């Protein structure tokens, strides 16, 4: 069966690459066409992707699904606040998801939904297990900001699954993609000439390579892989290790008031970090990806360490500073 795929958030650096990848695969993988939707024009070349400038928070998204006979929806428009797009991030994440799911529920054609979720759903706290599996719940750190958004988004998707049990749903809880061309909080954090850290803490971090992230979502579309799956490179990288490999000095700041102090330091360097990042930089987070390998059927090509080393090697002199000023 040929699929007509709607991808949300295609103005984003990752979603635009995914939509283009899916369109390039084309009929050989059962993709008839790809429709991309966002509120702003993408900077990237979308190739043969049909772009629709519309807001998923409005009923227009339902008309797009109906007019283009969409049967597969890939929801990637759930993101932390980004420079230039910070206003209304929560409304876009939560209200946008609710409106999109309502449109999917009204459509008789939609038979598959792929949600690009985040490991932020587990939060970050001193009570966390060594590794989160998909069945575990957050211990703390999901009461505000993006982690709270992603928890709400997943709850709405579960509600949709109860109302439309015939729709195949795949949820990918991904660690942050670390790549020079992908706008993510950790990429922007590592772009700074000095790295604010929390005094007395050395958090464990995980990263997902761009190629792994793209391929996992492609397989979720072209194959039937229902369920919820963690996606992160195997192993962890300590913040202190990352700083040494980048050759970046660390500024230890007191835990109390770290979020505000770190943002002041970073803004003084012409960059920014989202307020939610401070918990990750304090307690870290690691997830188990056994389900991705054994149930979903995907073998990760890059470990977290390899992903970080490729990111570091790709940075040319002056590029880190340029990344810090890029929206």
C-alpha atoms as a PDB file:
ATOM      1  CA  UNK A   1       0.000   0.000   0.000  1.00  0.00           C
ATOM      2  CA  UNK A   2       1.342   3.435  -0.943  1.00  0.00           C
ATOM      3  CA  UNK A   3       1.308   5.895   1.914  1.00  0.00           C
ATOM      4  CA  UNK A   4       0.586   9.624   1.942  1.00  0.00           C
ATOM      5  CA  UNK A   5       2.539  10.994   4.898  1.00  0.00           C
ATOM      6  CA  UNK A   6       1.980  14.263   6.741  1.00  0.00           C
ATOM      7  CA  UNK A   7       5.019  15.554   8.667  1.00  0.00           C
ATOM      8  CA  UNK A   8       4.472  18.367  11.155  1.00  0.00           C
ATOM      9  CA  UNK A   9       7.053  21.009  12.078  1.00  0.00           C
ATOM     10  CA  UNK A  10       8.979  20.841   8.783  1.00  0.00           C
ATOM     11  CA  UNK A  11      10.521  24.278   9.308  1.00  0.00           C
ATOM     12  CA  UNK A  12      12.602  22.659  12.043  1.00  0.00           C
ATOM     13  CA  UNK A  13      16.124  21.576  11.164  1.00  0.00           C
ATOM     14  CA  UNK A  14      15.506  17.901  11.946  1.00  0.00           C
ATOM     15  CA  UNK A  15      11.939  17.571  10.642  1.00  0.00           C
ATOM     16  CA  UNK A  16      12.914  19.156   7.315  1.00  0.00           C
ATOM     17  CA  UNK A  17      15.672  16.571   6.824  1.00  0.00           C
ATOM     18  CA  UNK A  18      13.332  13.747   7.747  1.00  0.00           C
ATOM     19  CA  UNK A  19      10.586  14.886   5.369  1.00  0.00           C
ATOM     20  CA  UNK A  20      13.127  15.213   2.539  1.00  0.00           C
ATOM     21  CA  UNK A  21      14.557  11.755   3.326  1.00  0.00           C
ATOM     22  CA  UNK A  22      11.092  10.210   3.262  1.00  0.00           C
ATOM     23  CA  UNK A  23      10.209  11.905  -0.028  1.00  0.00           C
ATOM     24  CA  UNK A  24      13.500  10.815  -1.615  1.00  0.00           C
ATOM     25  CA  UNK A  25      12.797   7.193  -0.697  1.00  0.00           C
ATOM     26  CA  UNK A  26       9.516   7.496  -2.583  1.00  0.00           C
ATOM     27  CA  UNK A  27       7.570   4.703  -4.210  1.00  0.00           C
ATOM     28  CA  UNK A  28      10.346   2.165  -3.697  1.00  0.00           C
ATOM     29  CA  UNK A  29       9.440   2.124  -0.008  1.00  0.00           C
ATOM     30  CA  UNK A  30       5.715   2.555  -0.514  1.00  0.00           C
ATOM     31  CA  UNK A  31       5.655   6.345  -0.063  1.00  0.00           C
ATOM     32  CA  UNK A  32       3.317   7.966  -2.594  1.00  0.00           C
ATOM     33  CA  UNK A  33       3.978  11.525  -1.412  1.00  0.00           C
ATOM     34  CA  UNK A  34       4.975  13.564   1.618  1.00  0.00           C
ATOM     35  CA  UNK A  35       3.175  16.670   2.850  1.00  0.00           C
ATOM     36  CA  UNK A  36       4.973  19.011   5.248  1.00  0.00           C
ATOM     37  CA  UNK A  37       3.217  21.551   7.444  1.00  0.00           C
ATOM     38  CA  UNK A  38       4.481  24.423   9.583  1.00  0.00           C
ATOM     39  CA  UNK A  39       3.659  28.005  10.489  1.00  0.00           C
ATOM     40  CA  UNK A  40       6.833  29.414   8.890  1.00  0.00           C
ATOM     41  CA  UNK A  41       8.692  28.738   5.672  1.00  0.00           C
ATOM     42  CA  UNK A  42      11.516  26.209   6.012  1.00  0.00           C
ATOM     43  CA  UNK A  43      15.064  27.352   5.277  1.00  0.00           C
ATOM     44  CA  UNK A  44      16.001  23.910   3.970  1.00  0.00           C
ATOM     45  CA  UNK A  45      15.264  22.553   0.501  1.00  0.00           C
ATOM     46  CA  UNK A  46      12.394  20.103   0.928  1.00  0.00           C
ATOM     47  CA  UNK A  47      12.799  18.564  -2.522  1.00  0.00           C
ATOM     48  CA  UNK A  48       9.551  16.967  -3.657  1.00  0.00           C
ATOM     49  CA  UNK A  49       7.810  17.483  -0.300  1.00  0.00           C
ATOM     50  CA  UNK A  50       4.572  19.425  -0.680  1.00  0.00           C
ATOM     51  CA  UNK A  51       4.773  22.277   1.820  1.00  0.00           C
ATOM     52  CA  UNK A  52       1.622  23.729   3.391  1.00  0.00           C
ATOM     53  CA  UNK A  53       1.957  26.854   5.482  1.00  0.00           C
ATOM     54  CA  UNK A  54      -0.585  26.342   8.244  1.00  0.00           C
ATOM     55  CA  UNK A  55      -0.899  26.175  12.010  1.00  0.00           C
ATOM     56  CA  UNK A  56      -1.661  22.786  13.550  1.00  0.00           C
ATOM     57  CA  UNK A  57      -3.353  24.624  16.429  1.00  0.00           C
ATOM     58  CA  UNK A  58      -6.208  25.479  14.059  1.00  0.00           C
ATOM     59  CA  UNK A  59      -8.797  23.314  12.269  1.00  0.00           C
ATOM     60  CA  UNK A  60      -6.866  23.897   9.024  1.00  0.00           C
ATOM     61  CA  UNK A  61      -4.790  20.803   9.772  1.00  0.00           C
ATOM     62  CA  UNK A  62      -7.932  18.698   9.388  1.00  0.00           C
ATOM     63  CA  UNK A  63      -8.509  20.161   5.927  1.00  0.00           C
ATOM     64  CA  UNK A  64      -4.914  19.361   4.932  1.00  0.00           C
ATOM     65  CA  UNK A  65      -5.383  15.736   6.021  1.00  0.00           C
ATOM     66  CA  UNK A  66      -8.660  15.499   4.087  1.00  0.00           C
ATOM     67  CA  UNK A  67      -7.547  17.274   0.880  1.00  0.00           C
ATOM     68  CA  UNK A  68      -4.315  15.288   0.541  1.00  0.00           C
ATOM     69  CA  UNK A  69      -5.829  11.931   1.582  1.00  0.00           C
ATOM     70  CA  UNK A  70      -3.262  11.568   4.350  1.00  0.00           C
ATOM     71  CA  UNK A  71      -3.143   8.109   5.945  1.00  0.00           C
ATOM     72  CA  UNK A  72       0.082   8.420   7.985  1.00  0.00           C
ATOM     73  CA  UNK A  73       0.949  11.284  10.355  1.00  0.00           C
ATOM     74  CA  UNK A  74       4.440  11.886  11.742  1.00  0.00           C
ATOM     75  CA  UNK A  75       4.218  14.452  14.539  1.00  0.00           C
ATOM     76  CA  UNK A  76       7.594  16.182  15.007  1.00  0.00           C
ATOM     77  CA  UNK A  77       6.315  19.603  16.035  1.00  0.00           C
ATOM     78  CA  UNK A  78       6.904  19.066  19.765  1.00  0.00           C
ATOM     79  CA  UNK A  79      10.054  20.907  20.788  1.00  0.00           C
ATOM     80  CA  UNK A  80      11.784  22.849  23.571  1.00  0.00           C
ATOM     81  CA  UNK A  81      11.646  26.651  23.172  1.00  0.00           C
ATOM     82  CA  UNK A  82      14.006  27.693  20.375  1.00  0.00           C
ATOM     83  CA  UNK A  83      15.628  31.005  19.603  1.00  0.00           C
ATOM     84  CA  UNK A  84      13.307  32.975  17.391  1.00  0.00           C
ATOM     85  CA  UNK A  85      10.418  30.572  18.080  1.00  0.00           C
ATOM     86  CA  UNK A  86      10.223  30.600  21.867  1.00  0.00           C
ATOM     87  CA  UNK A  87       6.930  32.463  22.187  1.00  0.00           C
ATOM     88  CA  UNK A  88       4.002  30.116  22.454  1.00  0.00           C
ATOM     89  CA  UNK A  89       6.137  26.959  22.577  1.00  0.00           C
ATOM     90  CA  UNK A  90       3.888  25.296  25.140  1.00  0.00           C
ATOM     91  CA  UNK A  91       0.747  26.230  23.226  1.00  0.00           C
ATOM     92  CA  UNK A  92       2.206  24.804  20.014  1.00  0.00           C
ATOM     93  CA  UNK A  93       3.327  21.613  21.754  1.00  0.00           C
ATOM     94  CA  UNK A  94       0.163  20.891  23.716  1.00  0.00           C
ATOM     95  CA  UNK A  95      -2.685  22.666  21.906  1.00  0.00           C
ATOM     96  CA  UNK A  96      -1.148  21.811  18.546  1.00  0.00           C
ATOM     97  CA  UNK A  97      -1.052  18.125  19.465  1.00  0.00           C
ATOM     98  CA  UNK A  98      -4.655  18.187  20.685  1.00  0.00           C
ATOM     99  CA  UNK A  99      -5.869  19.784  17.469  1.00  0.00           C
ATOM    100  CA  UNK A 100      -3.821  17.393  15.323  1.00  0.00           C
ATOM    101  CA  UNK A 101      -5.191  14.351  17.142  1.00  0.00           C
ATOM    102  CA  UNK A 102      -8.729  15.675  16.808  1.00  0.00           C
ATOM    103  CA  UNK A 103      -8.182  15.975  13.059  1.00  0.00           C
ATOM    104  CA  UNK A 104      -6.789  12.430  12.931  1.00  0.00           C
ATOM    105  CA  UNK A 105      -9.788  11.138  14.875  1.00  0.00           C
ATOM    106  CA  UNK A 106     -12.201  12.685  12.375  1.00  0.00           C
ATOM    107  CA  UNK A 107     -10.344  11.169   9.413  1.00  0.00           C
ATOM    108  CA  UNK A 108     -11.389   7.726   8.247  1.00  0.00           C
ATOM    109  CA  UNK A 109      -8.151   7.376   6.267  1.00  0.00           C
ATOM    110  CA  UNK A 110      -5.546   7.922   9.005  1.00  0.00           C
ATOM    111  CA  UNK A 111      -4.243   4.476   9.962  1.00  0.00           C
ATOM    112  CA  UNK A 112      -0.821   5.240  11.422  1.00  0.00           C
ATOM    113  CA  UNK A 113       0.564   7.863  13.815  1.00  0.00           C
ATOM    114  CA  UNK A 114       4.259   8.254  14.631  1.00  0.00           C
ATOM    115  CA  UNK A 115       5.088  10.558  17.540  1.00  0.00           C
ATOM    116  CA  UNK A 116       8.558  12.055  17.831  1.00  0.00           C
ATOM    117  CA  UNK A 117       8.712  12.189  21.619  1.00  0.00           C
ATOM    118  CA  UNK A 118      11.690  12.781  23.917  1.00  0.00           C
ATOM    119  CA  UNK A 119      13.521  11.123  26.784  1.00  0.00           C
ATOM    120  CA  UNK A 120      12.670  14.348  28.645  1.00  0.00           C
ATOM    121  CA  UNK A 121       9.418  12.538  29.485  1.00  0.00           C
ATOM    122  CA  UNK A 122      11.390  10.791  32.255  1.00  0.00           C
ATOM    123  CA  UNK A 123      12.534  14.050  33.818  1.00  0.00           C
ATOM    124  CA  UNK A 124      15.823  14.385  35.725  1.00  0.00           C
ATOM    125  CA  UNK A 125      16.133  13.951  39.463  1.00  0.00           C
ATOM    126  CA  UNK A 126      18.432  12.477  42.133  1.00  0.00           C
ATOM    127  CA  UNK A 127      15.960   9.589  42.530  1.00  0.00           C
ATOM    128  CA  UNK A 128      16.276   8.388  38.938  1.00  0.00           C
ATOM    129  CA  UNK A 129      17.228   4.776  38.161  1.00  0.00           C
ATOM    130  CA  UNK A 130      20.533   4.075  36.444  1.00  0.00           C
ATOM    131  CA  UNK A 131      18.612   3.439  33.192  1.00  0.00           C
ATOM    132  CA  UNK A 132      15.013   4.267  32.338  1.00  0.00           C
ATOM    133  CA  UNK A 133      13.060   1.580  30.528  1.00  0.00           C
ATOM    134  CA  UNK A 134       9.883   2.427  28.651  1.00  0.00           C
ATOM    135  CA  UNK A 135       7.702   1.090  31.474  1.00  0.00           C
ATOM    136  CA  UNK A 136       9.156   3.396  34.139  1.00  0.00           C
ATOM    137  CA  UNK A 137       7.663   6.740  35.109  1.00  0.00           C
ATOM    138  CA  UNK A 138       9.404  10.011  35.881  1.00  0.00           C
ATOM    139  CA  UNK A 139      10.525  10.391  39.484  1.00  0.00           C
ATOM    140  CA  UNK A 140      10.648  14.189  39.331  1.00  0.00           C
ATOM    141  CA  UNK A 141      11.511  17.123  37.078  1.00  0.00           C
ATOM    142  CA  UNK A 142       8.463  17.043  34.767  1.00  0.00           C
ATOM    143  CA  UNK A 143       6.329  19.641  36.514  1.00  0.00           C
ATOM    144  CA  UNK A 144       7.219  22.584  34.292  1.00  0.00           C
ATOM    145  CA  UNK A 145       8.532  23.469  30.870  1.00  0.00           C
ATOM    146  CA  UNK A 146       9.217  21.086  28.004  1.00  0.00           C
ATOM    147  CA  UNK A 147       9.260  17.872  30.117  1.00  0.00           C
ATOM    148  CA  UNK A 148       5.726  18.697  31.306  1.00  0.00           C
ATOM    149  CA  UNK A 149       4.694  19.383  27.704  1.00  0.00           C
ATOM    150  CA  UNK A 150       5.960  16.026  26.471  1.00  0.00           C
ATOM    151  CA  UNK A 151       4.240  14.174  29.323  1.00  0.00           C
ATOM    152  CA  UNK A 152       0.955  15.850  28.360  1.00  0.00           C
ATOM    153  CA  UNK A 153       1.490  15.152  24.662  1.00  0.00           C
ATOM    154  CA  UNK A 154       2.041  11.446  25.295  1.00  0.00           C
ATOM    155  CA  UNK A 155      -1.063  11.306  27.506  1.00  0.00           C
ATOM    156  CA  UNK A 156      -3.161  12.808  24.707  1.00  0.00           C
ATOM    157  CA  UNK A 157      -1.761  10.247  22.267  1.00  0.00           C
ATOM    158  CA  UNK A 158      -2.706   7.419  24.641  1.00  0.00           C
ATOM    159  CA  UNK A 159      -6.214   8.884  24.855  1.00  0.00           C
ATOM    160  CA  UNK A 160      -6.377   8.962  21.055  1.00  0.00           C
ATOM    161  CA  UNK A 161      -5.273   5.311  20.977  1.00  0.00           C
ATOM    162  CA  UNK A 162      -8.222   4.357  23.187  1.00  0.00           C
ATOM    163  CA  UNK A 163     -10.652   6.224  20.939  1.00  0.00           C
ATOM    164  CA  UNK A 164      -9.160   4.892  17.696  1.00  0.00           C
ATOM    165  CA  UNK A 165      -7.703   1.458  18.560  1.00  0.00           C
ATOM    166  CA  UNK A 166      -7.413   0.535  14.896  1.00  0.00           C
ATOM    167  CA  UNK A 167      -4.778   3.250  14.323  1.00  0.00           C
ATOM    168  CA  UNK A 168      -1.224   1.916  14.645  1.00  0.00           C
ATOM    169  CA  UNK A 169       0.778   4.194  16.963  1.00  0.00           C
ATOM    170  CA  UNK A 170       4.561   4.327  17.359  1.00  0.00           C
ATOM    171  CA  UNK A 171       6.140   6.613  19.951  1.00  0.00           C
ATOM    172  CA  UNK A 172       9.884   7.249  19.728  1.00  0.00           C
ATOM    173  CA  UNK A 173      11.347   8.691  22.936  1.00  0.00           C
ATOM    174  CA  UNK A 174      14.578  10.070  21.528  1.00  0.00           C
ATOM    175  CA  UNK A 175      17.592  11.520  23.248  1.00  0.00           C
ATOM    176  CA  UNK A 176      18.752  14.838  21.815  1.00  0.00           C
ATOM    177  CA  UNK A 177      20.224  14.625  18.326  1.00  0.00           C
ATOM    178  CA  UNK A 178      23.748  16.011  18.458  1.00  0.00           C
ATOM    179  CA  UNK A 179      24.812  17.348  15.055  1.00  0.00           C
ATOM    180  CA  UNK A 180      26.088  20.753  13.873  1.00  0.00           C
ATOM    181  CA  UNK A 181      23.105  21.197  11.545  1.00  0.00           C
ATOM    182  CA  UNK A 182      20.392  20.218  14.035  1.00  0.00           C
ATOM    183  CA  UNK A 183      19.120  22.836  16.458  1.00  0.00           C
ATOM    184  CA  UNK A 184      18.987  21.207  19.887  1.00  0.00           C
ATOM    185  CA  UNK A 185      19.556  22.518  23.428  1.00  0.00           C
ATOM    186  CA  UNK A 186      22.718  20.462  23.972  1.00  0.00           C
ATOM    187  CA  UNK A 187      24.195  21.474  20.612  1.00  0.00           C
ATOM    188  CA  UNK A 188      23.644  25.096  21.535  1.00  0.00           C
ATOM    189  CA  UNK A 189      25.034  24.541  25.028  1.00  0.00           C
ATOM    190  CA  UNK A 190      28.207  22.910  23.698  1.00  0.00           C
ATOM    191  CA  UNK A 191      28.619  25.760  21.197  1.00  0.00           C
ATOM    192  CA  UNK A 192      29.600  28.159  23.967  1.00  0.00           C
ATOM    193  CA  UNK A 193      33.278  28.995  24.576  1.00  0.00           C
ATOM    194  CA  UNK A 194      32.811  28.175  28.275  1.00  0.00           C
ATOM    195  CA  UNK A 195      30.336  25.704  29.776  1.00  0.00           C
ATOM    196  CA  UNK A 196      28.384  26.527  32.942  1.00  0.00           C
ATOM    197  CA  UNK A 197      28.065  23.454  35.170  1.00  0.00           C
ATOM    198  CA  UNK A 198      26.592  22.642  38.576  1.00  0.00           C
ATOM    199  CA  UNK A 199      29.111  22.571  41.383  1.00  0.00           C
ATOM    200  CA  UNK A 200      29.466  19.029  42.730  1.00  0.00           C
ATOM    201  CA  UNK A 201      27.643  17.298  39.839  1.00  0.00           C
ATOM    202  CA  UNK A 202      28.934  15.498  36.743  1.00  0.00           C
ATOM    203  CA  UNK A 203      25.822  14.373  34.843  1.00  0.00           C
ATOM    204  CA  UNK A 204      25.615  11.392  32.509  1.00  0.00           C
ATOM    205  CA  UNK A 205      24.450  12.416  29.039  1.00  0.00           C
ATOM    206  CA  UNK A 206      23.250  10.443  26.050  1.00  0.00           C
ATOM    207  CA  UNK A 207      23.044  11.539  22.425  1.00  0.00           C
ATOM    208  CA  UNK A 208      21.401  10.215  19.277  1.00  0.00           C
ATOM    209  CA  UNK A 209      23.164  10.449  15.930  1.00  0.00           C
ATOM    210  CA  UNK A 210      21.357  12.176  13.074  1.00  0.00           C
ATOM    211  CA  UNK A 211      21.455   9.109  10.831  1.00  0.00           C
ATOM    212  CA  UNK A 212      20.071   6.851  13.551  1.00  0.00           C
ATOM    213  CA  UNK A 213      17.280   9.319  14.325  1.00  0.00           C
ATOM    214  CA  UNK A 214      16.278   9.627  10.667  1.00  0.00           C
ATOM    215  CA  UNK A 215      16.401   5.891  10.002  1.00  0.00           C
ATOM    216  CA  UNK A 216      14.379   4.981  13.093  1.00  0.00           C
ATOM    217  CA  UNK A 217      11.556   7.291  12.015  1.00  0.00           C
ATOM    218  CA  UNK A 218      11.724   6.087   8.413  1.00  0.00           C
ATOM    219  CA  UNK A 219      11.350   2.492   9.600  1.00  0.00           C
ATOM    220  CA  UNK A 220       8.459   3.511  11.850  1.00  0.00           C
ATOM    221  CA  UNK A 221       6.675   4.824   8.738  1.00  0.00           C
ATOM    222  CA  UNK A 222       7.453   2.104   6.189  1.00  0.00           C
ATOM    223  CA  UNK A 223       7.075  -0.802   8.636  1.00  0.00           C
ATOM    224  CA  UNK A 224       4.494  -1.551  11.303  1.00  0.00           C
ATOM    225  CA  UNK A 225       6.185  -1.114  14.676  1.00  0.00           C
ATOM    226  CA  UNK A 226       3.527  -0.315  17.292  1.00  0.00           C
ATOM    227  CA  UNK A 227       4.651   0.607  20.788  1.00  0.00           C
ATOM    228  CA  UNK A 228       6.868   3.025  22.689  1.00  0.00           C
ATOM    229  CA  UNK A 229      10.633   2.874  22.225  1.00  0.00           C
ATOM    230  CA  UNK A 230      13.615   4.654  23.746  1.00  0.00           C
ATOM    231  CA  UNK A 231      16.203   5.832  21.220  1.00  0.00           C
ATOM    232  CA  UNK A 232      19.660   6.920  22.369  1.00  0.00           C
ATOM    233  CA  UNK A 233      23.205   5.950  21.574  1.00  0.00           C
ATOM    234  CA  UNK A 234      24.503   3.198  23.846  1.00  0.00           C
ATOM    235  CA  UNK A 235      26.638   4.257  26.791  1.00  0.00           C
ATOM    236  CA  UNK A 236      26.963   7.683  28.370  1.00  0.00           C
ATOM    237  CA  UNK A 237      29.275  10.686  28.203  1.00  0.00           C
ATOM    238  CA  UNK A 238      29.972  12.611  31.399  1.00  0.00           C
ATOM    239  CA  UNK A 239      29.754  16.379  31.133  1.00  0.00           C
ATOM    240  CA  UNK A 240      33.358  16.669  32.312  1.00  0.00           C
ATOM    241  CA  UNK A 241      34.466  14.294  29.538  1.00  0.00           C
ATOM    242  CA  UNK A 242      32.556  16.289  26.927  1.00  0.00           C
ATOM    243  CA  UNK A 243      34.134  19.556  28.101  1.00  0.00           C
ATOM    244  CA  UNK A 244      37.661  18.083  27.963  1.00  0.00           C
ATOM    245  CA  UNK A 245      37.159  16.685  24.470  1.00  0.00           C
ATOM    246  CA  UNK A 246      35.872  20.025  23.241  1.00  0.00           C
ATOM    247  CA  UNK A 247      38.692  21.881  24.995  1.00  0.00           C
ATOM    248  CA  UNK A 248      36.117  24.062  26.729  1.00  0.00           C
ATOM    249  CA  UNK A 249      36.645  25.361  30.278  1.00  0.00           C
ATOM    250  CA  UNK A 250      33.860  24.673  32.771  1.00  0.00           C
ATOM    251  CA  UNK A 251      32.419  27.330  35.093  1.00  0.00           C
ATOM    252  CA  UNK A 252      31.106  25.603  38.251  1.00  0.00           C
ATOM    253  CA  UNK A 253      28.080  27.444  39.649  1.00  0.00           C
ATOM    254  CA  UNK A 254      26.177  26.767  42.897  1.00  0.00           C
ATOM    255  CA  UNK A 255      23.175  24.426  42.541  1.00  0.00           C
ATOM    256  CA  UNK A 256      20.839  26.996  44.080  1.00  0.00           C
ATOM    257  CA  UNK A 257      20.009  29.519  41.378  1.00  0.00           C
ATOM    258  CA  UNK A 258      21.986  27.623  38.726  1.00  0.00           C
ATOM    259  CA  UNK A 259      19.341  27.998  36.017  1.00  0.00           C
ATOM    260  CA  UNK A 260      19.264  31.794  36.173  1.00  0.00           C
ATOM    261  CA  UNK A 261      23.026  32.147  36.642  1.00  0.00           C
ATOM    262  CA  UNK A 262      23.798  29.813  33.737  1.00  0.00           C
ATOM    263  CA  UNK A 263      21.435  31.680  31.424  1.00  0.00           C
ATOM    264  CA  UNK A 264      23.093  34.978  32.324  1.00  0.00           C
ATOM    265  CA  UNK A 265      26.525  33.524  31.578  1.00  0.00           C
ATOM    266  CA  UNK A 266      25.420  32.050  28.268  1.00  0.00           C
ATOM    267  CA  UNK A 267      23.542  35.159  27.180  1.00  0.00           C
ATOM    268  CA  UNK A 268      26.644  37.222  27.877  1.00  0.00           C
ATOM    269  CA  UNK A 269      28.328  35.071  25.225  1.00  0.00           C
ATOM    270  CA  UNK A 270      25.562  35.830  22.716  1.00  0.00           C
ATOM    271  CA  UNK A 271      23.790  32.484  23.012  1.00  0.00           C
ATOM    272  CA  UNK A 272      20.983  31.001  25.087  1.00  0.00           C
ATOM    273  CA  UNK A 273      19.902  27.756  26.717  1.00  0.00           C
ATOM    274  CA  UNK A 274      16.353  26.772  27.613  1.00  0.00           C
ATOM    275  CA  UNK A 275      15.524  26.887  31.330  1.00  0.00           C
ATOM    276  CA  UNK A 276      14.648  23.163  31.342  1.00  0.00           C
ATOM    277  CA  UNK A 277      18.225  22.176  30.550  1.00  0.00           C
ATOM    278  CA  UNK A 278      19.467  22.941  34.053  1.00  0.00           C
ATOM    279  CA  UNK A 279      18.015  19.744  35.542  1.00  0.00           C
ATOM    280  CA  UNK A 280      19.651  17.610  32.865  1.00  0.00           C
ATOM    281  CA  UNK A 281      22.968  19.387  33.507  1.00  0.00           C
ATOM    282  CA  UNK A 282      22.558  18.615  37.205  1.00  0.00           C
ATOM    283  CA  UNK A 283      21.278  15.035  37.386  1.00  0.00           C
ATOM    284  CA  UNK A 284      21.729  13.751  33.836  1.00  0.00           C
ATOM    285  CA  UNK A 285      19.631  10.945  32.348  1.00  0.00           C
ATOM    286  CA  UNK A 286      20.188   7.562  30.697  1.00  0.00           C
ATOM    287  CA  UNK A 287      17.719   5.234  28.993  1.00  0.00           C
ATOM    288  CA  UNK A 288      17.712   1.564  28.073  1.00  0.00           C
ATOM    289  CA  UNK A 289      17.283   0.806  24.362  1.00  0.00           C
ATOM    290  CA  UNK A 290      16.767  -2.965  24.511  1.00  0.00           C
ATOM    291  CA  UNK A 291      13.225  -2.566  23.181  1.00  0.00           C
ATOM    292  CA  UNK A 292      14.433  -0.633  20.145  1.00  0.00           C
ATOM    293  CA  UNK A 293      16.798  -3.458  19.267  1.00  0.00           C
ATOM    294  CA  UNK A 294      14.767  -6.524  20.229  1.00  0.00           C
ATOM    295  CA  UNK A 295      11.174  -5.451  19.515  1.00  0.00           C
ATOM    296  CA  UNK A 296      11.370  -2.562  17.055  1.00  0.00           C
ATOM    297  CA  UNK A 297      14.207  -4.323  15.217  1.00  0.00           C
ATOM    298  CA  UNK A 298      16.730  -1.507  14.842  1.00  0.00           C
ATOM    299  CA  UNK A 299      20.413  -1.779  15.709  1.00  0.00           C
ATOM    300  CA  UNK A 300      21.872   1.626  16.550  1.00  0.00           C
ATOM    301  CA  UNK A 301      24.832   2.540  14.360  1.00  0.00           C
ATOM    302  CA  UNK A 302      26.459   5.011  16.780  1.00  0.00           C
ATOM    303  CA  UNK A 303      27.045   5.019  20.514  1.00  0.00           C
ATOM    304  CA  UNK A 304      26.639   8.223  22.499  1.00  0.00           C
ATOM    305  CA  UNK A 305      30.423   8.535  22.645  1.00  0.00           C
ATOM    306  CA  UNK A 306      30.818   8.047  18.899  1.00  0.00           C
ATOM    307  CA  UNK A 307      28.046  10.558  18.219  1.00  0.00           C
ATOM    308  CA  UNK A 308      29.748  13.129  20.426  1.00  0.00           C
ATOM    309  CA  UNK A 309      33.173  12.513  18.859  1.00  0.00           C
ATOM    310  CA  UNK A 310      31.713  12.927  15.358  1.00  0.00           C
ATOM    311  CA  UNK A 311      30.073  16.160  16.470  1.00  0.00           C
ATOM    312  CA  UNK A 312      33.369  17.413  17.904  1.00  0.00           C
ATOM    313  CA  UNK A 313      35.352  16.410  14.807  1.00  0.00           C
ATOM    314  CA  UNK A 314      32.893  18.174  12.500  1.00  0.00           C
ATOM    315  CA  UNK A 315      33.370  21.519  14.202  1.00  0.00           C
ATOM    316  CA  UNK A 316      35.734  23.806  12.349  1.00  0.00           C
ATOM    317  CA  UNK A 317      37.491  26.781  13.906  1.00  0.00           C
ATOM    318  CA  UNK A 318      34.947  29.506  14.577  1.00  0.00           C
ATOM    319  CA  UNK A 319      31.960  27.217  13.962  1.00  0.00           C
ATOM    320  CA  UNK A 320      31.090  26.849  17.626  1.00  0.00           C
ATOM    321  CA  UNK A 321      30.725  30.607  17.981  1.00  0.00           C
ATOM    322  CA  UNK A 322      28.648  30.745  14.799  1.00  0.00           C
ATOM    323  CA  UNK A 323      26.347  28.011  16.093  1.00  0.00           C
ATOM    324  CA  UNK A 324      25.761  29.967  19.265  1.00  0.00           C
ATOM    325  CA  UNK A 325      24.285  32.846  17.257  1.00  0.00           C
ATOM    326  CA  UNK A 326      22.189  30.719  14.908  1.00  0.00           C
ATOM    327  CA  UNK A 327      18.453  30.492  15.488  1.00  0.00           C
END
